[in-house]
Amino acid sequence: MTQIQTYEAETVQEQMKSVRSRIDPVSLLLRAVVWLAALTVAAIFVWLAGYIIIKGLPYLSPRLFEWEYSTENVSMLPAIVVTVLMVILALLFAAPVGMGAAIYLVEYARKGSRLVSLVRLTTESLAGIPSIVYGLFGFLLFVVACGMGFSILGGALTLAIMVLPLIMRTTEEALKSVPDNWREGSFALGAGRLRTIFCVVLPAAVPGILSGIILSIGRIVGESAALLYTAGTVAAIPESLFSSGRTLSVHMYALLSEGLYVNEAHATALVLLIMVLLINFASGAIAALFVRERS
């Protein structure tokens, strides 16, 4: 029996060698293109990160992190506080709505219905609208019509509408990636649809959902055009949600547009890069933790 297994193993190895020796040149070309694309993306990121670090690191100082902004210190701490508030508020508004809509489309809506097609069409259309248009919409709706003025709340609501299509589509694709036999097994054990969704489907789709939230956070943190029309540019710690304030991206834009604090703007860009990387690493660690617990 051992000799037969040995013979079969040798036969398989010979076949694998013959296949490797007859690799299609087109496959080699495609593999080279894929590797080139991956290396290009990595090189661009390293170049951008290196440029920001070289330009911004020499000008980082404790004065840039003082509690109150002034023309002497050009502190970015108020902008950091506003950025964190904007991310939290925008996700509080957008995440439940986007995830709920995706759950309905995947788990409850009838396959191929016109409503599903219409919702997906409108979602894709919203995702392609420029951010300046969202800013004008938020200005007319929240600042003027609702009487909020230039406020943190108005900017957060505008950003929530902006990232809603992204959260919705990524959550929908994450739910679709869960095998149907998992749902069927849960139903066979007597669980209802709602229990199956929250106990079986959503935990398995957490990595994909977190990917959408990470992308949404990146867009919120890096947005400036929409916030200029809704949140304003006041460089101070907000006293309430109806106070005006500037995020890090708006702060960097204001410093560069004035032309007097270019070095401080580079330092702000470095802090913004560090914030985004920390958020990405933290979200990736949370996703890996969920996958480890599921396995």
Protein backbone atom coordinates (compact mmCIF):
# COMPACT_ATOMS: atom_id res chain seq x y z
CA MET A 1 0.00 0.00 0.00
CA THR A 2 2.91 2.31 0.81
CA GLN A 3 4.53 1.59 -2.56
CA ILE A 4 1.30 2.49 -4.34
CA GLN A 5 1.05 5.78 -2.45
CA THR A 6 4.67 6.56 -3.22
CA TYR A 7 4.14 5.83 -6.90
CA GLU A 8 1.05 8.07 -6.97
CA ALA A 9 2.94 10.89 -5.25
CA GLU A 10 5.78 10.65 -7.75
CA THR A 11 3.29 10.66 -10.62
CA VAL A 12 1.62 13.81 -9.28
CA GLN A 13 5.00 15.52 -8.88
CA GLU A 14 5.97 14.68 -12.45
CA GLN A 15 2.65 16.05 -13.72
CA MET A 16 3.13 19.25 -11.74
CA LYS A 17 6.62 19.68 -13.19
CA SER A 18 5.31 19.17 -16.71
CA VAL A 19 2.56 21.75 -16.12
CA ARG A 20 5.07 24.27 -14.74
CA SER A 21 7.33 23.74 -17.73
CA ARG A 22 4.43 24.49 -20.06
CA ILE A 23 3.28 27.75 -18.43
CA ASP A 24 1.43 29.96 -20.86
CA PRO A 25 3.38 33.15 -21.75
CA VAL A 26 0.13 35.10 -21.40
CA SER A 27 -0.14 33.94 -17.78
CA LEU A 28 3.40 35.10 -17.11
CA LEU A 29 2.62 38.47 -18.68
CA LEU A 30 -0.55 38.89 -16.61
CA ARG A 31 1.29 37.91 -13.45
CA ALA A 32 3.97 40.49 -14.21
CA VAL A 33 1.32 43.16 -14.81
CA VAL A 34 -0.36 42.36 -11.49
CA TRP A 35 2.93 42.53 -9.62
CA LEU A 36 3.80 45.79 -11.37
CA ALA A 37 0.44 47.31 -10.40
CA ALA A 38 0.86 46.25 -6.77
CA LEU A 39 4.41 47.62 -6.60
CA THR A 40 3.25 50.87 -8.22
CA VAL A 41 0.57 51.39 -5.58
CA ALA A 42 3.05 50.63 -2.80
CA ALA A 43 5.63 52.97 -4.31
CA ILE A 44 3.11 55.81 -4.60
CA PHE A 45 2.10 55.39 -0.96
CA VAL A 46 5.72 55.30 0.21
CA TRP A 47 6.53 58.37 -1.87
CA LEU A 48 3.56 60.36 -0.53
CA ALA A 49 4.20 59.30 3.07
CA GLY A 50 7.90 60.07 2.77
CA TYR A 51 7.22 63.49 1.26
CA ILE A 52 4.77 64.39 4.02
CA ILE A 53 7.11 63.16 6.75
CA ILE A 54 10.12 65.05 5.35
CA LYS A 55 8.14 68.26 4.92
CA GLY A 56 6.14 68.13 8.15
CA LEU A 57 8.26 66.41 10.79
CA PRO A 58 10.78 69.27 11.32
CA TYR A 59 7.95 71.71 12.11
CA LEU A 60 6.06 69.61 14.67
CA SER A 61 6.25 71.38 18.03
CA PRO A 62 4.27 71.56 21.29
CA ARG A 63 2.96 74.97 20.24
CA LEU A 64 0.90 73.28 17.53
CA PHE A 65 -1.02 71.33 20.19
CA GLU A 66 -2.01 74.14 22.54
CA TRP A 67 -5.64 74.26 23.63
CA GLU A 68 -6.47 77.67 22.15
CA TYR A 69 -5.68 78.76 18.59
CA SER A 70 -3.88 82.01 17.94
CA THR A 71 -1.88 83.56 15.14
CA GLU A 72 1.29 82.94 17.16
CA ASN A 73 0.93 79.19 17.78
CA VAL A 74 -1.41 78.22 14.87
CA SER A 75 -2.58 75.32 17.04
CA MET A 76 -4.20 72.35 15.34
CA LEU A 77 -5.66 70.86 18.54
CA PRO A 78 -9.10 72.49 18.01
CA ALA A 79 -9.12 71.04 14.50
CA ILE A 80 -8.27 67.57 15.87
CA VAL A 81 -11.16 67.78 18.34
CA VAL A 82 -13.56 68.88 15.60
CA THR A 83 -12.32 66.10 13.30
CA VAL A 84 -13.00 63.42 15.93
CA LEU A 85 -16.45 64.89 16.63
CA MET A 86 -17.24 65.00 12.92
CA VAL A 87 -16.26 61.36 12.41
CA ILE A 88 -18.31 60.16 15.39
CA LEU A 89 -21.42 62.16 14.50
CA ALA A 90 -21.33 61.34 10.79
CA LEU A 91 -21.00 57.60 11.48
CA LEU A 92 -23.75 57.73 14.11
CA PHE A 93 -26.10 59.10 11.45
CA ALA A 94 -24.90 57.16 8.41
CA ALA A 95 -23.94 53.70 9.71
CA PRO A 96 -27.34 52.58 11.09
CA VAL A 97 -29.20 53.84 8.02
CA GLY A 98 -26.73 52.38 5.52
CA MET A 99 -26.47 49.02 7.27
CA GLY A 100 -30.24 48.82 7.75
CA ALA A 101 -30.87 49.56 4.07
CA ALA A 102 -28.31 46.94 3.02
CA ILE A 103 -29.88 44.32 5.33
CA TYR A 104 -33.28 45.00 3.82
CA LEU A 105 -32.02 44.74 0.24
CA VAL A 106 -30.15 41.47 0.83
CA GLU A 107 -32.27 39.66 3.42
CA TYR A 108 -35.85 40.91 3.01
CA ALA A 109 -36.40 42.41 -0.45
CA ARG A 110 -37.59 40.16 -3.25
CA LYS A 111 -34.82 39.26 -5.67
CA GLY A 112 -34.95 41.24 -8.89
CA SER A 113 -37.68 43.62 -7.75
CA ARG A 114 -37.91 47.10 -9.21
CA LEU A 115 -37.53 48.65 -5.77
CA VAL A 116 -34.15 46.99 -5.28
CA SER A 117 -32.98 48.13 -8.72
CA LEU A 118 -34.18 51.68 -8.03
CA VAL A 119 -32.46 51.85 -4.66
CA ARG A 120 -29.19 50.55 -6.09
CA LEU A 121 -29.38 53.00 -8.99
CA THR A 122 -29.92 55.95 -6.66
CA THR A 123 -27.14 54.73 -4.36
CA GLU A 124 -24.64 54.51 -7.21
CA SER A 125 -25.76 57.94 -8.44
CA LEU A 126 -25.23 59.47 -4.98
CA ALA A 127 -21.76 57.93 -4.79
CA GLY A 128 -20.72 59.75 -7.97
CA ILE A 129 -21.82 63.25 -6.95
CA PRO A 130 -18.92 65.68 -6.29
CA SER A 131 -18.40 66.75 -2.70
CA ILE A 132 -18.90 70.43 -3.54
CA VAL A 133 -22.47 69.61 -4.60
CA TYR A 134 -23.04 67.95 -1.23
CA GLY A 135 -21.70 71.11 0.39
CA LEU A 136 -24.13 73.34 -1.50
CA PHE A 137 -26.99 70.96 -0.67
CA GLY A 138 -26.04 70.95 3.01
CA PHE A 139 -25.77 74.74 2.99
CA LEU A 140 -29.25 75.18 1.53
CA LEU A 141 -30.88 72.49 3.68
CA PHE A 142 -29.16 72.53 7.06
CA VAL A 143 -27.58 75.99 7.23
CA VAL A 144 -30.40 78.01 5.63
CA ALA A 145 -33.64 76.02 5.66
CA CYS A 146 -33.16 74.34 9.06
CA GLY A 147 -31.55 77.42 10.60
CA MET A 148 -28.52 75.58 11.99
CA GLY A 149 -26.05 78.09 10.64
CA PHE A 150 -22.42 77.10 10.19
CA SER A 151 -22.28 74.31 12.76
CA ILE A 152 -20.68 70.97 13.60
CA LEU A 153 -24.10 69.29 13.38
CA GLY A 154 -24.80 70.66 9.89
CA GLY A 155 -21.40 69.49 8.66
CA ALA A 156 -21.84 66.04 10.21
CA LEU A 157 -25.27 65.58 8.62
CA THR A 158 -23.86 66.59 5.24
CA LEU A 159 -20.98 64.13 5.59
CA ALA A 160 -23.41 61.42 6.70
CA ILE A 161 -25.36 61.82 3.45
CA MET A 162 -22.07 61.76 1.53
CA VAL A 163 -20.76 58.49 3.00
CA LEU A 164 -24.15 56.77 3.16
CA PRO A 165 -23.86 55.17 -0.33
CA LEU A 166 -20.39 53.84 0.48
CA ILE A 167 -21.47 52.20 3.75
CA MET A 168 -24.60 50.83 2.14
CA ARG A 169 -22.89 49.24 -0.86
CA THR A 170 -19.98 47.73 1.09
CA THR A 171 -22.36 46.30 3.69
CA GLU A 172 -24.53 44.85 0.94
CA GLU A 173 -21.56 43.12 -0.69
CA ALA A 174 -20.37 41.83 2.69
CA LEU A 175 -23.79 40.31 3.39
CA LYS A 176 -23.87 38.71 -0.06
CA SER A 177 -20.52 37.04 0.62
CA VAL A 178 -22.01 35.03 3.50
CA PRO A 179 -22.92 31.54 2.16
CA ASP A 180 -26.65 30.81 1.88
CA ASN A 181 -26.24 27.43 3.56
CA TRP A 182 -25.38 29.25 6.79
CA ARG A 183 -28.79 30.89 6.69
CA GLU A 184 -30.47 27.61 5.77
CA GLY A 185 -28.72 25.84 8.65
CA SER A 186 -29.90 28.50 11.08
CA PHE A 187 -33.48 28.23 9.80
CA ALA A 188 -33.29 24.45 10.08
CA LEU A 189 -32.36 24.79 13.77
CA GLY A 190 -35.50 26.83 14.38
CA ALA A 191 -34.05 30.36 14.39
CA GLY A 192 -36.10 33.16 12.90
CA ARG A 193 -34.95 35.51 10.19
CA LEU A 194 -34.08 38.36 12.55
CA ARG A 195 -32.11 36.08 14.87
CA THR A 196 -30.31 34.55 11.89
CA ILE A 197 -29.32 37.98 10.63
CA PHE A 198 -27.94 39.23 13.94
CA CYS A 199 -26.40 35.98 15.20
CA VAL A 200 -25.15 34.36 11.99
CA VAL A 201 -25.00 36.72 9.02
CA LEU A 202 -23.79 39.98 10.54
CA PRO A 203 -20.93 38.47 12.61
CA ALA A 204 -19.63 36.73 9.48
CA ALA A 205 -19.89 39.97 7.47
CA VAL A 206 -18.12 42.16 10.05
CA PRO A 207 -14.76 42.35 8.18
CA GLY A 208 -16.45 43.60 5.01
CA ILE A 209 -18.63 46.05 6.92
CA LEU A 210 -15.60 47.43 8.75
CA SER A 211 -13.85 47.91 5.41
CA GLY A 212 -16.68 50.18 4.31
CA ILE A 213 -16.56 52.09 7.59
CA ILE A 214 -12.79 52.54 7.24
CA LEU A 215 -13.24 54.00 3.76
CA SER A 216 -15.99 56.25 5.09
CA ILE A 217 -13.77 57.51 7.91
CA GLY A 218 -11.04 58.27 5.40
CA ARG A 219 -13.44 60.32 3.30
CA ILE A 220 -14.81 62.16 6.34
CA VAL A 221 -11.35 63.02 7.64
CA GLY A 222 -10.11 64.18 4.26
CA GLU A 223 -13.17 66.19 3.25
CA SER A 224 -12.90 69.97 3.05
CA ALA A 225 -15.11 71.34 0.25
CA ALA A 226 -18.42 70.25 1.77
CA LEU A 227 -17.45 71.50 5.24
CA LEU A 228 -16.53 74.97 4.05
CA TYR A 229 -20.22 75.55 3.26
CA THR A 230 -21.69 73.82 6.32
CA ALA A 231 -19.33 73.69 9.32
CA GLY A 232 -17.40 76.89 8.68
CA THR A 233 -13.76 77.67 9.41
CA VAL A 234 -13.69 78.88 13.02
CA ALA A 235 -10.45 77.71 14.65
CA ALA A 236 -11.71 77.08 18.18
CA ILE A 237 -12.93 74.27 20.41
CA PRO A 238 -16.69 74.05 19.76
CA GLU A 239 -18.90 74.84 22.73
CA SER A 240 -21.83 72.84 21.34
CA LEU A 241 -22.92 70.97 18.24
CA PHE A 242 -24.29 74.23 16.85
CA SER A 243 -20.90 75.95 17.05
CA SER A 244 -18.78 76.44 13.97
CA GLY A 245 -15.45 74.68 13.64
CA ARG A 246 -12.83 73.46 11.22
CA THR A 247 -11.48 69.95 10.73
CA LEU A 248 -7.83 69.13 10.07
CA SER A 249 -8.30 69.16 6.31
CA VAL A 250 -10.05 72.55 6.43
CA HIS A 251 -7.38 73.80 8.83
CA MET A 252 -4.65 72.75 6.41
CA TYR A 253 -6.49 74.39 3.50
CA ALA A 254 -6.87 77.63 5.46
CA LEU A 255 -3.18 77.72 6.38
CA LEU A 256 -2.09 77.11 2.79
CA SER A 257 -4.57 79.62 1.34
CA GLU A 258 -3.28 82.33 3.69
CA GLY A 259 0.28 81.64 2.55
CA LEU A 260 1.77 82.60 5.92
CA TYR A 261 1.89 79.19 7.61
CA VAL A 262 3.01 76.78 4.90
CA ASN A 263 5.35 74.87 7.23
CA GLU A 264 2.59 74.46 9.82
CA ALA A 265 0.30 73.19 7.06
CA HIS A 266 2.85 70.47 6.27
CA ALA A 267 2.93 69.51 9.95
CA THR A 268 -0.87 69.35 9.92
CA ALA A 269 -0.74 67.03 6.91
CA LEU A 270 1.60 64.73 8.84
CA VAL A 271 -0.76 64.58 11.83
CA LEU A 272 -3.67 63.90 9.47
CA LEU A 273 -1.76 61.04 7.86
CA ILE A 274 -0.93 59.55 11.27
CA MET A 275 -4.59 59.75 12.32
CA VAL A 276 -5.78 57.94 9.20
CA LEU A 277 -3.15 55.21 9.57
CA LEU A 278 -4.03 54.68 13.23
CA ILE A 279 -7.73 54.40 12.38
CA ASN A 280 -6.97 51.89 9.62
CA PHE A 281 -4.75 49.75 11.85
CA ALA A 282 -7.28 49.81 14.70
CA SER A 283 -10.14 48.84 12.41
CA GLY A 284 -8.06 46.07 10.84
CA ALA A 285 -7.20 44.72 14.28
CA ILE A 286 -10.88 44.70 15.26
CA ALA A 287 -11.80 42.85 12.06
CA ALA A 288 -9.05 40.29 12.64
CA LEU A 289 -10.29 39.81 16.20
CA PHE A 290 -13.81 39.07 14.94
CA VAL A 291 -12.48 36.58 12.40
CA ARG A 292 -10.36 34.87 15.07
CA GLU A 293 -13.33 34.57 17.40
CA ARG A 294 -15.52 33.16 14.62
CA SER A 295 -12.91 30.54 13.73
